[in-house]
N, C-alpha and C. Protein backbone atom coordinates (compact mmCIF):
# COMPACT_ATOMS: atom_id res chain seq x y z
N MET A 1 0.83 -1.17 0.00
CA MET A 1 0.00 0.00 0.00
C MET A 1 0.89 1.25 0.00
N THR A 2 0.44 2.25 -0.66
CA THR A 2 1.20 3.49 -0.76
C THR A 2 0.34 4.65 -0.27
N THR A 3 0.98 5.62 0.33
CA THR A 3 0.28 6.82 0.76
C THR A 3 0.52 7.92 -0.26
N HIS A 4 -0.57 8.56 -0.69
CA HIS A 4 -0.50 9.66 -1.65
C HIS A 4 -1.07 10.91 -1.01
N PHE A 5 -0.59 12.04 -1.48
CA PHE A 5 -1.13 13.32 -1.06
C PHE A 5 -2.31 13.69 -1.95
N ARG A 6 -3.37 14.17 -1.37
CA ARG A 6 -4.58 14.56 -2.11
C ARG A 6 -4.59 16.07 -2.38
N LEU A 7 -3.47 16.72 -2.22
CA LEU A 7 -3.41 18.18 -2.30
C LEU A 7 -3.89 18.71 -3.65
N ALA A 8 -3.45 18.14 -4.75
CA ALA A 8 -3.86 18.63 -6.08
C ALA A 8 -5.37 18.53 -6.24
N GLU A 9 -5.93 17.42 -5.81
CA GLU A 9 -7.39 17.21 -5.89
C GLU A 9 -8.14 18.25 -5.05
N ILE A 10 -7.67 18.49 -3.85
CA ILE A 10 -8.31 19.46 -2.96
C ILE A 10 -8.22 20.87 -3.54
N LEU A 11 -7.04 21.22 -4.05
CA LEU A 11 -6.87 22.56 -4.64
C LEU A 11 -7.80 22.74 -5.83
N LYS A 12 -7.91 21.73 -6.66
CA LYS A 12 -8.78 21.82 -7.84
C LYS A 12 -10.23 22.04 -7.43
N LYS A 13 -10.70 21.29 -6.44
CA LYS A 13 -12.08 21.42 -5.97
C LYS A 13 -12.35 22.82 -5.41
N ARG A 14 -11.33 23.43 -4.83
CA ARG A 14 -11.50 24.75 -4.21
C ARG A 14 -11.17 25.90 -5.15
N GLY A 15 -10.72 25.56 -6.36
CA GLY A 15 -10.38 26.61 -7.31
C GLY A 15 -9.16 27.41 -6.87
N MET A 16 -8.24 26.74 -6.21
CA MET A 16 -7.04 27.39 -5.67
C MET A 16 -5.82 26.83 -6.39
N ASN A 17 -4.77 27.63 -6.51
CA ASN A 17 -3.55 27.11 -7.13
C ASN A 17 -2.45 26.94 -6.08
N GLN A 18 -1.36 26.33 -6.50
CA GLN A 18 -0.26 26.03 -5.59
C GLN A 18 0.38 27.30 -5.02
N THR A 19 0.49 28.32 -5.83
CA THR A 19 1.09 29.58 -5.37
C THR A 19 0.25 30.19 -4.25
N GLU A 20 -1.05 30.17 -4.42
CA GLU A 20 -1.93 30.72 -3.40
C GLU A 20 -1.84 29.92 -2.10
N LEU A 21 -1.79 28.59 -2.21
CA LEU A 21 -1.66 27.75 -1.01
C LEU A 21 -0.34 28.02 -0.31
N ALA A 22 0.73 28.15 -1.06
CA ALA A 22 2.04 28.44 -0.47
C ALA A 22 1.99 29.77 0.29
N ARG A 23 1.37 30.77 -0.31
CA ARG A 23 1.27 32.08 0.33
C ARG A 23 0.42 32.02 1.60
N LEU A 24 -0.73 31.36 1.52
CA LEU A 24 -1.64 31.29 2.67
C LEU A 24 -1.08 30.46 3.81
N SER A 25 -0.36 29.41 3.48
CA SER A 25 0.12 28.48 4.50
C SER A 25 1.49 28.85 5.06
N GLY A 26 2.29 29.56 4.27
CA GLY A 26 3.66 29.83 4.70
C GLY A 26 4.60 28.68 4.38
N VAL A 27 4.11 27.69 3.65
CA VAL A 27 4.94 26.56 3.23
C VAL A 27 5.57 26.93 1.89
N HIS A 28 6.85 26.66 1.74
CA HIS A 28 7.57 27.01 0.52
C HIS A 28 6.89 26.41 -0.70
N PHE A 29 6.85 27.15 -1.80
CA PHE A 29 6.20 26.70 -3.03
C PHE A 29 6.74 25.37 -3.51
N VAL A 30 8.04 25.16 -3.44
CA VAL A 30 8.64 23.91 -3.91
C VAL A 30 8.07 22.73 -3.12
N THR A 31 7.89 22.90 -1.83
CA THR A 31 7.31 21.85 -0.99
C THR A 31 5.88 21.57 -1.40
N VAL A 32 5.10 22.62 -1.59
CA VAL A 32 3.70 22.46 -2.02
C VAL A 32 3.66 21.73 -3.36
N ASN A 33 4.52 22.12 -4.29
CA ASN A 33 4.55 21.50 -5.60
C ASN A 33 4.91 20.02 -5.51
N ARG A 34 5.88 19.68 -4.70
CA ARG A 34 6.28 18.27 -4.55
C ARG A 34 5.14 17.43 -3.97
N LEU A 35 4.42 18.01 -3.02
CA LEU A 35 3.30 17.28 -2.43
C LEU A 35 2.14 17.15 -3.42
N CYS A 36 1.90 18.18 -4.20
CA CYS A 36 0.82 18.15 -5.19
C CYS A 36 1.10 17.13 -6.29
N THR A 37 2.34 16.93 -6.62
CA THR A 37 2.71 16.00 -7.69
C THR A 37 3.14 14.63 -7.14
N ASN A 38 2.97 14.45 -5.85
CA ASN A 38 3.32 13.20 -5.16
C ASN A 38 4.77 12.81 -5.36
N ARG A 39 5.65 13.80 -5.41
CA ARG A 39 7.08 13.53 -5.46
C ARG A 39 7.71 13.66 -4.09
N GLY A 40 6.94 14.12 -3.12
CA GLY A 40 7.46 14.24 -1.75
C GLY A 40 7.58 12.87 -1.10
N LYS A 41 8.66 12.64 -0.43
CA LYS A 41 8.88 11.36 0.24
C LYS A 41 8.53 11.44 1.72
N ARG A 42 8.67 12.63 2.28
CA ARG A 42 8.41 12.83 3.70
C ARG A 42 7.73 14.18 3.89
N VAL A 43 6.98 14.27 4.97
CA VAL A 43 6.39 15.55 5.33
C VAL A 43 6.34 15.61 6.85
N ASP A 44 6.73 16.74 7.42
CA ASP A 44 6.71 16.82 8.87
C ASP A 44 5.35 17.32 9.36
N LEU A 45 5.10 17.13 10.64
CA LEU A 45 3.81 17.49 11.21
C LEU A 45 3.54 18.98 11.13
N GLU A 46 4.56 19.79 11.26
CA GLU A 46 4.37 21.24 11.16
C GLU A 46 3.84 21.62 9.77
N THR A 47 4.39 21.01 8.73
CA THR A 47 3.94 21.28 7.37
C THR A 47 2.49 20.84 7.20
N LEU A 48 2.15 19.64 7.69
CA LEU A 48 0.77 19.18 7.62
C LEU A 48 -0.17 20.13 8.36
N ASP A 49 0.26 20.61 9.52
CA ASP A 49 -0.56 21.55 10.29
C ASP A 49 -0.77 22.85 9.53
N LEU A 50 0.29 23.39 8.93
CA LEU A 50 0.18 24.64 8.19
C LEU A 50 -0.74 24.50 6.97
N LEU A 51 -0.59 23.40 6.24
CA LEU A 51 -1.42 23.18 5.05
C LEU A 51 -2.88 22.96 5.44
N SER A 52 -3.11 22.14 6.46
CA SER A 52 -4.50 21.88 6.84
C SER A 52 -5.16 23.12 7.43
N ALA A 53 -4.41 23.96 8.12
CA ALA A 53 -4.97 25.22 8.63
C ALA A 53 -5.34 26.14 7.48
N ALA A 54 -4.48 26.24 6.48
CA ALA A 54 -4.75 27.11 5.33
C ALA A 54 -5.94 26.61 4.52
N LEU A 55 -6.13 25.29 4.49
CA LEU A 55 -7.24 24.70 3.73
C LEU A 55 -8.47 24.43 4.59
N ASP A 56 -8.37 24.73 5.88
CA ASP A 56 -9.46 24.52 6.83
C ASP A 56 -9.97 23.08 6.77
N CYS A 57 -9.02 22.14 6.93
CA CYS A 57 -9.37 20.72 6.93
C CYS A 57 -8.49 20.01 7.96
N GLU A 58 -8.71 18.75 8.13
CA GLU A 58 -7.89 17.93 9.03
C GLU A 58 -6.66 17.42 8.28
N PRO A 59 -5.54 17.23 8.97
CA PRO A 59 -4.34 16.71 8.30
C PRO A 59 -4.59 15.41 7.55
N GLY A 60 -5.41 14.55 8.11
CA GLY A 60 -5.72 13.28 7.46
C GLY A 60 -6.46 13.43 6.14
N ASP A 61 -7.13 14.56 5.95
CA ASP A 61 -7.83 14.82 4.69
C ASP A 61 -6.85 15.02 3.53
N LEU A 62 -5.61 15.32 3.85
CA LEU A 62 -4.60 15.59 2.83
C LEU A 62 -3.92 14.32 2.31
N LEU A 63 -4.18 13.19 2.98
CA LEU A 63 -3.51 11.93 2.65
C LEU A 63 -4.51 10.84 2.31
N GLU A 64 -4.06 9.88 1.50
CA GLU A 64 -4.90 8.72 1.20
C GLU A 64 -3.99 7.53 0.93
N ARG A 65 -4.43 6.37 1.38
CA ARG A 65 -3.69 5.13 1.12
C ARG A 65 -4.31 4.45 -0.08
N VAL A 66 -3.47 4.03 -1.02
CA VAL A 66 -3.95 3.36 -2.23
C VAL A 66 -3.19 2.07 -2.45
N GLY A 67 -3.79 1.16 -3.17
CA GLY A 67 -3.14 -0.10 -3.47
C GLY A 67 -3.58 -1.19 -2.51
N GLN A 68 -2.99 -2.34 -2.68
CA GLN A 68 -3.34 -3.49 -1.86
C GLN A 68 -2.32 -3.69 -0.76
N THR A 69 -2.79 -4.21 0.35
CA THR A 69 -1.93 -4.51 1.48
C THR A 69 -1.22 -5.84 1.22
N ARG A 70 0.07 -5.83 1.42
CA ARG A 70 0.85 -7.06 1.28
C ARG A 70 1.51 -7.35 2.62
N ARG A 71 1.19 -8.48 3.18
CA ARG A 71 1.82 -8.87 4.45
C ARG A 71 2.83 -9.97 4.18
N LYS A 72 3.95 -9.87 4.83
CA LYS A 72 5.02 -10.86 4.64
C LYS A 72 4.99 -11.93 5.72
N GLY A 73 4.00 -11.94 6.54
CA GLY A 73 3.93 -12.91 7.60
C GLY A 73 2.98 -12.43 8.68
N LYS A 74 2.78 -13.27 9.65
CA LYS A 74 1.88 -12.91 10.74
C LYS A 74 2.64 -12.13 11.80
N ARG A 75 1.94 -11.20 12.40
CA ARG A 75 2.53 -10.45 13.51
C ARG A 75 2.51 -11.29 14.78
N LYS A 76 3.55 -11.16 15.55
CA LYS A 76 3.58 -11.85 16.84
C LYS A 76 2.89 -10.98 17.86
N LYS A 77 2.13 -11.61 18.70
CA LYS A 77 1.40 -10.85 19.75
C LYS A 77 2.17 -10.86 21.03
């Protein structure tokens, strides 16, 4: 399973562009662009907080898991 950012989808629905989100959130444009194009490998909690505050949503709304789960064995309890 892979985690993807839903930022591009959210921006499109709101009629907002990446530059405007960067300005409103205080997150650097390059970071916003990487997340919108799913080229970002990591994101810190502060960035998620800034983006979700600017978009008036929950941090979890910015992420989605896609694909199938593959388990390599059973977990030990």
